[in-house]
Amino acid sequence: MDLVETKIARGAEIPEEVHEHPVLKFPPGFLWGSSTSSHQVEGGNDKNDWWEWEKKPHHIADGTLSGSASGHYARYKEDFALARNNHQNAHRLSIEWSRVEPTKGEWNVSELRHYRDVLMELKSHSFTVMLTLHHFTIPTWLADEGGWENPRTIFYFNRFVKWVADELGDLVDIWVTVNEPMIYVSQGYLYGAWPPGKKSIISSYRVFRNLTRAHKKAYLTLHDTLDRRDRTVKVGIAQNVISFEPYRRHKMIDMWFVRFADRLWNHWFFSRTKRHHDFIGINYYFHYRVAFVPRDYAHFFFQVRNENREVSDVGWEVYPPGIFRVIADMASYGKPMYITENGIAVTNDDKRNRFIVAHVKEIYHAIAAGMDVRGYFHWSLLDNFEWEKGFGPRFGLIEVDYATMERRPRKSLGIYGEIAQENGIKHDLLRFLGHMVK
């Protein structure tokens, strides 16, 4: 008998096993933040294409309008204080183009002052500021001129970028020119689910081409404008990067379609905008198992196979290893990377706690493997208006009562705050993954 068996035979009490590991530490200076977008949280954005889209029947799943959204326009100080009190050190937000240029060629100075106050409030909390310039919405006057199908929009967008850089550039650390260009193209111009509601491959390509050109021009404008002021300028995009894998690994056609889908969705924009990125922004939500089904026109490129796996309230599969895969994929560009969005729509906050710990742990492993990830921005700080889905999905670390605009910090805000404060994952947080902590 070994020592334990001998003690059991003698009736001796066996001490509880101590199971401890060191903190999974992130590099010094790592950014821990959360993300928002203007139309989804501010409220009162009544001069853009989304406002007009919402008013038409059947465009929003729950029949709601963005209206006052999350009331962030008036309550940003309260919201930022909640983030900072929970140890976040960075924030990603967007500026609403239709607020500052509500009429073609006319700038609203009072809205400029508002955004300056917003950014100064972030700086008062010592936040690193990441500012998005195009987060899906465009002014109504621009939509009336054809929006991103019109090549002239490149000029209008660059004029807007130059104006923002001149007026607010001293308060911005990291610039995102375009958020999720492939989502914008596919939802608005291929599937017709977003404004302008088109279903055209030709229109989709025109918009894609104009977005790539606009990004390159904006990249040069931001550097030309701010480099002269001795500002350290970082410019990139936030790309929705999907984790693809073949459903049938022995089928060459599935493997080919994985490569095709990956190149088309994840890399095409970057291949057209080489040398115009200081970093790679990764929004990670989706993991798809790809099976080529030529009979199914609606899913010509892939099928989503969930197989009763864990999903969010909007049906998106929860797959933490996928964030490691997309980081490894995008590391091929040799640029610093930021996770610019990653989150889950759930009313069960325990799921969110597990989601955060599991995904952040995968990022830790990516860094340990030598990948240059410099920050994580959780989506979202607040519950918000989730585009065509309306107010049903709950993505926020902070719950919003839409009737009163009361803020109710969820437990997940504190859990994420523990990670940010420690700049790492303490061993006891692994309990959310079913890991023994004693």
Protein backbone atom coordinates (compact mmCIF):
# COMPACT_ATOMS: atom_id res chain seq x y z
CA MET A 1 0.00 0.00 0.00
CA ASP A 2 1.11 3.56 -0.70
CA LEU A 3 1.06 6.27 1.96
CA VAL A 4 -2.52 7.43 1.22
CA GLU A 5 -3.90 3.88 1.33
CA THR A 6 -2.06 3.29 4.62
CA LYS A 7 -3.63 6.42 6.15
CA ILE A 8 -7.09 5.37 4.94
CA ALA A 9 -6.59 1.93 6.49
CA ARG A 10 -5.63 3.54 9.79
CA GLY A 11 -8.60 5.91 9.68
CA ALA A 12 -6.45 9.01 9.46
CA GLU A 13 -7.92 12.22 8.01
CA ILE A 14 -6.53 13.11 4.59
CA PRO A 15 -5.84 16.84 4.12
CA GLU A 16 -7.70 18.56 1.28
CA GLU A 17 -5.58 18.81 -1.82
CA VAL A 18 -4.40 22.34 -2.59
CA HIS A 19 -4.67 23.07 -6.30
CA GLU A 20 -3.14 26.41 -7.22
CA HIS A 21 -1.61 28.01 -10.28
CA PRO A 22 0.06 31.38 -10.82
CA VAL A 23 -1.90 34.24 -12.35
CA LEU A 24 -2.05 34.04 -16.15
CA LYS A 25 -0.36 37.40 -16.66
CA PHE A 26 -0.69 39.64 -19.72
CA PRO A 27 2.07 41.96 -20.98
CA PRO A 28 2.55 45.32 -19.20
CA GLY A 29 0.46 48.07 -20.76
CA PHE A 30 -2.18 45.68 -22.11
CA LEU A 31 -5.44 47.51 -22.83
CA TRP A 32 -8.60 46.34 -21.09
CA GLY A 33 -11.64 48.15 -22.42
CA SER A 34 -15.13 47.90 -23.81
CA SER A 35 -16.75 49.12 -27.00
CA THR A 36 -19.83 51.09 -28.02
CA SER A 37 -21.10 52.68 -31.22
CA SER A 38 -22.88 56.01 -31.49
CA HIS A 39 -26.18 54.98 -33.05
CA GLN A 40 -26.57 52.00 -30.76
CA VAL A 41 -26.14 53.86 -27.48
CA GLU A 42 -26.46 57.64 -27.85
CA GLY A 43 -30.09 58.11 -28.85
CA GLY A 44 -31.57 60.85 -30.99
CA ASN A 45 -29.53 60.11 -34.11
CA ASP A 46 -32.35 61.15 -36.42
CA LYS A 47 -30.34 62.36 -39.41
CA ASN A 48 -28.84 59.10 -40.65
CA ASP A 49 -29.91 56.26 -42.92
CA TRP A 50 -30.60 53.86 -40.07
CA TRP A 51 -33.18 56.20 -38.51
CA GLU A 52 -35.10 56.22 -41.78
CA TRP A 53 -34.72 52.44 -42.18
CA GLU A 54 -36.14 51.70 -38.73
CA LYS A 55 -39.40 53.54 -39.47
CA LYS A 56 -40.34 51.12 -42.27
CA PRO A 57 -42.40 48.01 -41.40
CA HIS A 58 -40.68 44.69 -40.71
CA HIS A 59 -37.14 46.08 -40.76
CA ILE A 60 -36.57 45.64 -37.01
CA ALA A 61 -37.32 42.21 -35.57
CA ASP A 62 -39.00 43.38 -32.36
CA GLY A 63 -40.69 46.40 -33.97
CA THR A 64 -38.74 48.93 -31.89
CA LEU A 65 -37.01 52.14 -32.98
CA SER A 66 -33.59 53.23 -31.77
CA GLY A 67 -35.20 56.34 -30.26
CA SER A 68 -33.31 57.25 -27.10
CA ALA A 69 -31.21 54.09 -27.43
CA SER A 70 -29.28 53.64 -24.15
CA GLY A 71 -29.33 57.34 -23.26
CA HIS A 72 -25.54 57.47 -23.42
CA TYR A 73 -25.47 60.91 -25.08
CA ALA A 74 -26.57 62.49 -21.80
CA ARG A 75 -25.16 59.90 -19.37
CA TYR A 76 -21.68 59.25 -20.75
CA LYS A 77 -19.98 60.50 -17.57
CA GLU A 78 -21.86 57.97 -15.46
CA ASP A 79 -21.09 55.18 -17.92
CA PHE A 80 -17.37 55.96 -18.13
CA ALA A 81 -17.12 56.18 -14.35
CA LEU A 82 -18.60 52.70 -14.03
CA ALA A 83 -16.04 51.38 -16.50
CA ARG A 84 -13.12 53.10 -14.77
CA ASN A 85 -14.26 52.07 -11.28
CA ASN A 86 -14.08 48.51 -12.55
CA HIS A 87 -10.46 48.98 -13.65
CA GLN A 88 -10.87 49.38 -17.40
CA ASN A 89 -8.10 51.52 -18.91
CA ALA A 90 -9.36 51.95 -22.49
CA HIS A 91 -12.56 52.60 -24.40
CA ARG A 92 -13.64 52.28 -28.02
CA LEU A 93 -16.44 54.52 -29.29
CA SER A 94 -17.58 56.01 -32.58
CA ILE A 95 -18.37 59.52 -33.71
CA GLU A 96 -21.70 59.96 -35.47
CA TRP A 97 -21.04 61.52 -38.87
CA SER A 98 -24.66 62.69 -39.22
CA ARG A 99 -24.43 64.70 -35.99
CA VAL A 100 -21.39 66.73 -37.00
CA GLU A 101 -22.37 67.09 -40.69
CA PRO A 102 -26.20 66.94 -40.64
CA THR A 103 -26.36 68.92 -43.88
CA LYS A 104 -23.93 68.49 -46.74
CA GLY A 105 -20.88 70.67 -46.19
CA GLU A 106 -22.20 72.29 -42.99
CA TRP A 107 -20.52 71.42 -39.69
CA ASN A 108 -22.41 71.44 -36.39
CA VAL A 109 -20.00 73.09 -33.95
CA SER A 110 -22.14 72.35 -30.88
CA GLU A 111 -21.98 68.62 -31.63
CA LEU A 112 -18.24 68.93 -32.08
CA ARG A 113 -18.04 70.46 -28.59
CA HIS A 114 -20.12 67.55 -27.27
CA TYR A 115 -17.73 64.96 -28.70
CA ARG A 116 -14.78 66.92 -27.40
CA ASP A 117 -16.33 66.85 -23.93
CA VAL A 118 -16.87 63.09 -24.29
CA LEU A 119 -13.25 62.47 -25.23
CA MET A 120 -11.96 64.78 -22.52
CA GLU A 121 -14.03 62.85 -19.99
CA LEU A 122 -12.34 59.64 -21.11
CA LYS A 123 -8.94 61.30 -20.80
CA SER A 124 -9.81 62.51 -17.28
CA HIS A 125 -10.02 58.82 -16.36
CA SER A 126 -6.68 58.13 -18.10
CA PHE A 127 -8.34 55.99 -20.76
CA THR A 128 -6.61 55.07 -23.99
CA VAL A 129 -9.12 56.23 -26.63
CA MET A 130 -9.94 54.23 -29.75
CA LEU A 131 -12.22 56.19 -32.10
CA THR A 132 -14.23 54.66 -34.96
CA LEU A 133 -15.11 56.96 -37.85
CA HIS A 134 -17.60 54.77 -39.75
CA HIS A 135 -19.70 52.35 -37.71
CA PHE A 136 -22.43 51.40 -40.22
CA THR A 137 -24.37 54.71 -40.34
CA ILE A 138 -24.15 57.53 -42.89
CA PRO A 139 -25.94 60.92 -43.03
CA THR A 140 -29.33 60.93 -44.74
CA TRP A 141 -28.13 63.48 -47.29
CA LEU A 142 -25.34 61.11 -48.30
CA ALA A 143 -27.69 58.12 -48.54
CA ASP A 144 -29.85 60.19 -50.88
CA GLU A 145 -26.81 60.61 -53.14
CA GLY A 146 -26.22 56.87 -53.37
CA GLY A 147 -24.20 56.26 -50.23
CA TRP A 148 -21.15 54.05 -50.60
CA GLU A 149 -22.14 53.03 -54.11
CA ASN A 150 -21.29 56.56 -55.19
CA PRO A 151 -17.50 57.03 -55.64
CA ARG A 152 -17.97 60.64 -54.55
CA THR A 153 -18.56 59.30 -51.03
CA ILE A 154 -14.81 58.67 -50.78
CA PHE A 155 -14.27 62.43 -51.02
CA TYR A 156 -17.03 63.21 -48.51
CA PHE A 157 -15.72 60.66 -46.04
CA ASN A 158 -12.17 61.92 -46.31
CA ARG A 159 -13.38 65.47 -45.73
CA PHE A 160 -15.13 64.27 -42.57
CA VAL A 161 -12.01 62.37 -41.46
CA LYS A 162 -9.83 65.47 -41.97
CA TRP A 163 -12.24 67.63 -39.98
CA VAL A 164 -12.36 65.18 -37.07
CA ALA A 165 -8.57 64.82 -37.07
CA ASP A 166 -8.12 68.61 -37.02
CA GLU A 167 -10.64 69.17 -34.25
CA LEU A 168 -10.30 66.07 -32.04
CA GLY A 169 -7.01 64.46 -33.03
CA ASP A 170 -5.23 65.54 -29.85
CA LEU A 171 -7.57 63.34 -27.79
CA VAL A 172 -7.45 60.13 -29.86
CA ASP A 173 -4.82 57.39 -29.51
CA ILE A 174 -6.03 54.73 -31.95
CA TRP A 175 -8.15 55.29 -35.08
CA VAL A 176 -10.53 52.80 -36.69
CA THR A 177 -11.54 54.09 -40.11
CA VAL A 178 -14.20 51.46 -40.93
CA ASN A 179 -15.95 48.95 -38.72
CA GLU A 180 -16.62 45.49 -40.20
CA PRO A 181 -16.59 46.36 -43.91
CA MET A 182 -17.61 42.84 -44.96
CA ILE A 183 -20.62 42.86 -42.62
CA TYR A 184 -21.62 46.28 -43.96
CA VAL A 185 -21.36 45.14 -47.57
CA SER A 186 -23.14 41.82 -47.12
CA GLN A 187 -25.97 43.00 -44.88
CA GLY A 188 -26.78 46.16 -46.80
CA TYR A 189 -26.05 45.22 -50.41
CA LEU A 190 -26.07 41.41 -50.74
CA TYR A 191 -28.75 40.16 -48.29
CA GLY A 192 -30.82 43.35 -48.02
CA ALA A 193 -31.21 43.14 -44.24
CA TRP A 194 -29.78 46.63 -43.59
CA PRO A 195 -30.10 49.92 -45.41
CA PRO A 196 -30.29 50.47 -48.31
CA GLY A 197 -31.79 46.96 -48.56
CA LYS A 198 -30.23 45.87 -51.84
CA LYS A 199 -29.54 42.34 -53.07
CA SER A 200 -26.96 42.82 -55.77
CA ILE A 201 -23.52 41.33 -56.29
CA ILE A 202 -22.58 44.27 -58.51
CA SER A 203 -23.62 46.83 -55.87
CA SER A 204 -21.81 44.82 -53.21
CA TYR A 205 -18.57 44.93 -55.17
CA ARG A 206 -18.90 48.68 -55.83
CA VAL A 207 -19.36 49.38 -52.13
CA PHE A 208 -16.48 47.08 -51.18
CA ARG A 209 -14.19 48.80 -53.68
CA ASN A 210 -15.16 52.27 -52.46
CA LEU A 211 -14.63 51.30 -48.83
CA THR A 212 -11.12 50.02 -49.56
CA ARG A 213 -10.27 53.26 -51.36
CA ALA A 214 -11.80 55.34 -48.59
CA HIS A 215 -9.78 53.52 -45.94
CA LYS A 216 -6.50 54.04 -47.80
CA LYS A 217 -7.23 57.73 -48.29
CA ALA A 218 -8.29 58.16 -44.65
CA TYR A 219 -5.14 56.37 -43.48
CA LEU A 220 -2.96 58.85 -45.36
CA THR A 221 -5.04 61.82 -44.23
CA LEU A 222 -4.81 60.90 -40.56
CA HIS A 223 -1.05 60.46 -40.78
CA ASP A 224 -0.55 63.62 -42.85
CA THR A 225 -2.66 65.64 -40.43
CA LEU A 226 -1.38 64.31 -37.13
CA ASP A 227 2.21 63.26 -37.78
CA ARG A 228 3.11 66.91 -38.15
CA ARG A 229 1.79 67.52 -34.62
CA ASP A 230 4.08 64.87 -33.14
CA ARG A 231 1.11 62.65 -32.41
CA THR A 232 1.73 58.90 -32.35
CA VAL A 233 -0.89 57.84 -34.87
CA LYS A 234 -2.20 54.28 -35.12
CA VAL A 235 -4.72 53.66 -37.90
CA GLY A 236 -6.51 50.48 -38.92
CA ILE A 237 -9.92 48.86 -39.34
CA ALA A 238 -12.03 46.55 -37.17
CA GLN A 239 -12.60 43.41 -39.23
CA ASN A 240 -15.22 40.81 -38.40
CA VAL A 241 -12.99 37.73 -38.58
CA ILE A 242 -14.72 34.35 -38.75
CA SER A 243 -13.22 31.05 -37.61
CA PHE A 244 -13.81 28.56 -40.43
CA GLU A 245 -13.15 24.83 -40.40
CA PRO A 246 -14.14 22.01 -42.79
CA TYR A 247 -17.04 19.92 -41.55
CA ARG A 248 -15.79 16.86 -43.40
CA ARG A 249 -12.03 16.92 -43.12
CA HIS A 250 -11.53 14.18 -45.70
CA LYS A 251 -13.54 16.06 -48.34
CA MET A 252 -11.29 18.19 -50.50
CA ILE A 253 -14.21 20.34 -51.64
CA ASP A 254 -14.99 21.30 -48.02
CA MET A 255 -11.36 22.15 -47.42
CA TRP A 256 -11.26 24.22 -50.61
CA PHE A 257 -14.36 26.15 -49.59
CA VAL A 258 -12.84 26.84 -46.18
CA ARG A 259 -9.83 28.39 -47.88
CA PHE A 260 -12.07 30.30 -50.28
CA ALA A 261 -14.37 31.61 -47.54
CA ASP A 262 -11.41 32.59 -45.37
CA ARG A 263 -9.71 34.49 -48.19
CA LEU A 264 -12.92 36.18 -49.30
CA TRP A 265 -14.29 37.16 -45.90
CA ASN A 266 -11.25 37.55 -43.64
CA HIS A 267 -8.49 38.67 -46.00
CA TRP A 268 -9.86 40.28 -49.15
CA PHE A 269 -10.12 43.77 -47.64
CA PHE A 270 -6.57 43.56 -46.31
CA SER A 271 -5.25 42.31 -49.65
CA ARG A 272 -6.67 45.45 -51.27
CA THR A 273 -5.33 47.84 -48.63
CA LYS A 274 -1.74 46.68 -48.11
CA ARG A 275 0.63 49.10 -46.39
CA HIS A 276 -2.32 51.06 -44.99
CA HIS A 277 -2.64 49.43 -41.57
CA ASP A 278 -0.70 50.15 -38.38
CA PHE A 279 -2.57 47.40 -36.54
CA ILE A 280 -5.15 44.68 -37.15
CA GLY A 281 -8.48 45.07 -35.37
CA ILE A 282 -10.33 41.78 -34.81
CA ASN A 283 -14.04 41.49 -34.02
CA TYR A 284 -14.69 37.85 -33.13
CA TYR A 285 -18.20 36.40 -32.83
CA PHE A 286 -18.58 33.53 -35.30
CA HIS A 287 -17.30 29.98 -35.79
CA TYR A 288 -18.54 28.13 -38.87
CA ARG A 289 -18.13 24.49 -39.84
CA VAL A 290 -18.11 24.51 -43.61
CA ALA A 291 -19.75 21.89 -45.81
CA PHE A 292 -20.18 22.54 -49.51
CA VAL A 293 -23.85 22.04 -50.46
CA PRO A 294 -24.30 22.87 -54.15
CA ARG A 295 -28.06 22.21 -54.02
CA ASP A 296 -28.62 24.91 -51.40
CA TYR A 297 -28.29 28.25 -53.18
CA ALA A 298 -28.91 30.25 -50.00
CA HIS A 299 -25.85 28.61 -48.41
CA PHE A 300 -23.70 28.22 -51.51
CA PHE A 301 -20.47 28.83 -49.62
CA PHE A 302 -21.10 27.24 -46.26
CA GLN A 303 -23.58 25.79 -43.82
CA VAL A 304 -23.62 26.59 -40.13
CA ARG A 305 -23.77 23.39 -38.07
CA ASN A 306 -24.56 24.10 -34.41
CA GLU A 307 -25.46 20.52 -33.41
CA ASN A 308 -27.14 21.68 -30.21
CA ARG A 309 -23.93 23.34 -29.00
CA GLU A 310 -23.94 26.25 -26.57
CA VAL A 311 -25.26 29.37 -28.27
CA SER A 312 -26.10 32.93 -27.28
CA ASP A 313 -29.65 34.28 -27.09
CA VAL A 314 -29.36 35.26 -30.77
CA GLY A 315 -28.19 31.79 -31.82
CA TRP A 316 -24.47 32.45 -32.27
CA GLU A 317 -22.32 29.51 -31.26
CA VAL A 318 -20.01 30.03 -28.27
CA TYR A 319 -16.61 28.75 -29.38
CA PRO A 320 -13.66 30.21 -27.42
CA PRO A 321 -10.92 28.29 -29.33
CA GLY A 322 -11.99 30.22 -32.41
CA ILE A 323 -10.52 33.46 -31.09
CA PHE A 324 -7.12 31.77 -30.85
CA ARG A 325 -7.51 30.57 -34.43
CA VAL A 326 -8.40 33.96 -35.88
CA ILE A 327 -5.55 35.64 -33.97
CA ALA A 328 -3.14 33.07 -35.39
CA ASP A 329 -4.58 33.64 -38.85
CA MET A 330 -4.29 37.44 -38.73
CA ALA A 331 -0.83 37.31 -37.14
CA SER A 332 0.46 36.55 -40.64
CA TYR A 333 0.36 40.29 -41.40
CA GLY A 334 3.08 40.98 -38.85
CA LYS A 335 1.13 43.84 -37.26
CA PRO A 336 0.08 44.45 -33.65
CA MET A 337 -3.45 43.19 -33.01
CA TYR A 338 -6.32 44.42 -30.87
CA ILE A 339 -9.50 42.49 -30.14
CA THR A 340 -11.79 45.39 -30.99
CA GLU A 341 -15.03 43.49 -30.26
CA ASN A 342 -15.93 40.22 -28.56
CA GLY A 343 -19.08 39.60 -26.59
CA ILE A 344 -22.24 37.58 -26.08
CA ALA A 345 -25.95 38.42 -26.05
CA VAL A 346 -27.41 36.69 -22.99
CA THR A 347 -29.73 37.50 -20.10
CA ASN A 348 -28.01 34.78 -18.04
CA ASP A 349 -24.96 36.65 -16.77
CA ASP A 350 -23.26 33.44 -15.62
CA LYS A 351 -22.86 32.61 -19.30
CA ARG A 352 -21.21 35.98 -19.86
CA ASN A 353 -18.78 35.38 -17.01
CA ARG A 354 -17.82 32.03 -18.51
CA PHE A 355 -17.59 33.57 -21.98
CA ILE A 356 -15.22 36.33 -20.85
CA VAL A 357 -12.88 34.07 -18.91
CA ALA A 358 -12.76 31.44 -21.66
CA HIS A 359 -12.04 33.92 -24.45
CA VAL A 360 -9.50 35.96 -22.50
CA LYS A 361 -7.73 32.71 -21.59
CA GLU A 362 -7.43 31.86 -25.29
CA ILE A 363 -5.92 35.31 -25.91
CA TYR A 364 -3.42 34.61 -23.13
CA HIS A 365 -2.39 31.41 -24.91
CA ALA A 366 -2.04 33.30 -28.21
CA ILE A 367 0.29 35.81 -26.58
CA ALA A 368 2.24 32.99 -24.94
CA ALA A 369 2.67 31.52 -28.42
CA GLY A 370 4.32 34.75 -29.57
CA MET A 371 1.37 36.57 -31.15
CA ASP A 372 1.37 40.35 -30.70
CA VAL A 373 -2.03 41.10 -29.12
CA ARG A 374 -2.08 44.43 -27.27
CA GLY A 375 -5.64 44.92 -26.09
CA TYR A 376 -9.12 43.49 -25.59
CA PHE A 377 -12.32 45.53 -25.96
CA HIS A 378 -15.41 43.69 -24.77
CA TRP A 379 -18.68 44.26 -26.62
CA SER A 380 -20.40 46.00 -25.09
CA LEU A 381 -20.17 48.34 -22.12
CA LEU A 382 -23.95 48.87 -22.26
CA ASP A 383 -27.05 47.08 -23.42
CA ASN A 384 -27.93 48.75 -26.71
CA PHE A 385 -29.95 48.85 -29.92
CA GLU A 386 -28.72 45.82 -31.84
CA TRP A 387 -29.48 46.93 -35.39
CA GLU A 388 -32.10 44.78 -37.16
CA LYS A 389 -32.64 42.76 -33.96
CA GLY A 390 -33.81 45.78 -31.95
CA PHE A 391 -33.49 46.00 -28.18
CA GLY A 392 -33.99 42.29 -27.44
CA PRO A 393 -30.35 41.11 -27.35
CA ARG A 394 -28.49 42.02 -24.16
CA PHE A 395 -24.75 42.43 -24.79
CA GLY A 396 -23.93 44.84 -21.96
CA LEU A 397 -21.64 44.52 -18.98
CA ILE A 398 -24.09 47.10 -17.67
CA GLU A 399 -27.82 46.40 -17.86
CA VAL A 400 -29.95 49.29 -19.07
CA ASP A 401 -33.59 49.71 -18.06
CA TYR A 402 -34.87 51.29 -21.27
CA ALA A 403 -37.95 52.73 -19.54
CA THR A 404 -35.97 54.70 -16.95
CA MET A 405 -32.40 54.55 -18.35
CA GLU A 406 -31.26 53.26 -14.96
CA ARG A 407 -27.87 51.53 -15.06
CA ARG A 408 -27.49 48.20 -13.26
CA PRO A 409 -23.93 46.86 -13.34
CA ARG A 410 -23.93 43.14 -13.93
CA LYS A 411 -21.68 40.75 -12.04
CA SER A 412 -19.75 40.28 -15.28
CA LEU A 413 -18.62 43.92 -15.12
CA GLY A 414 -16.90 43.10 -11.84
CA ILE A 415 -15.44 39.82 -13.11
CA TYR A 416 -14.01 41.59 -16.13
CA GLY A 417 -12.77 44.29 -13.76
CA GLU A 418 -10.87 41.69 -11.73
CA ILE A 419 -9.07 40.58 -14.87
CA ALA A 420 -8.26 44.17 -15.81
CA GLN A 421 -7.05 45.05 -12.30
CA GLU A 422 -4.82 41.97 -12.15
CA ASN A 423 -3.78 42.33 -15.81
CA GLY A 424 -4.34 38.61 -15.91
CA ILE A 425 -6.58 35.73 -14.95
CA LYS A 426 -6.39 34.70 -11.31
CA HIS A 427 -6.69 31.00 -10.65
CA ASP A 428 -10.01 31.29 -8.84
CA LEU A 429 -11.67 32.75 -11.98
CA LEU A 430 -11.09 29.45 -13.75
CA ARG A 431 -14.01 28.12 -11.72
CA PHE A 432 -16.25 29.58 -14.44
CA LEU A 433 -14.73 27.01 -16.78
CA GLY A 434 -15.38 24.12 -14.41
CA HIS A 435 -11.76 24.08 -13.30
CA MET A 436 -10.94 22.86 -9.78
CA VAL A 437 -9.56 25.75 -7.72
CA LYS A 438 -8.82 23.87 -4.49
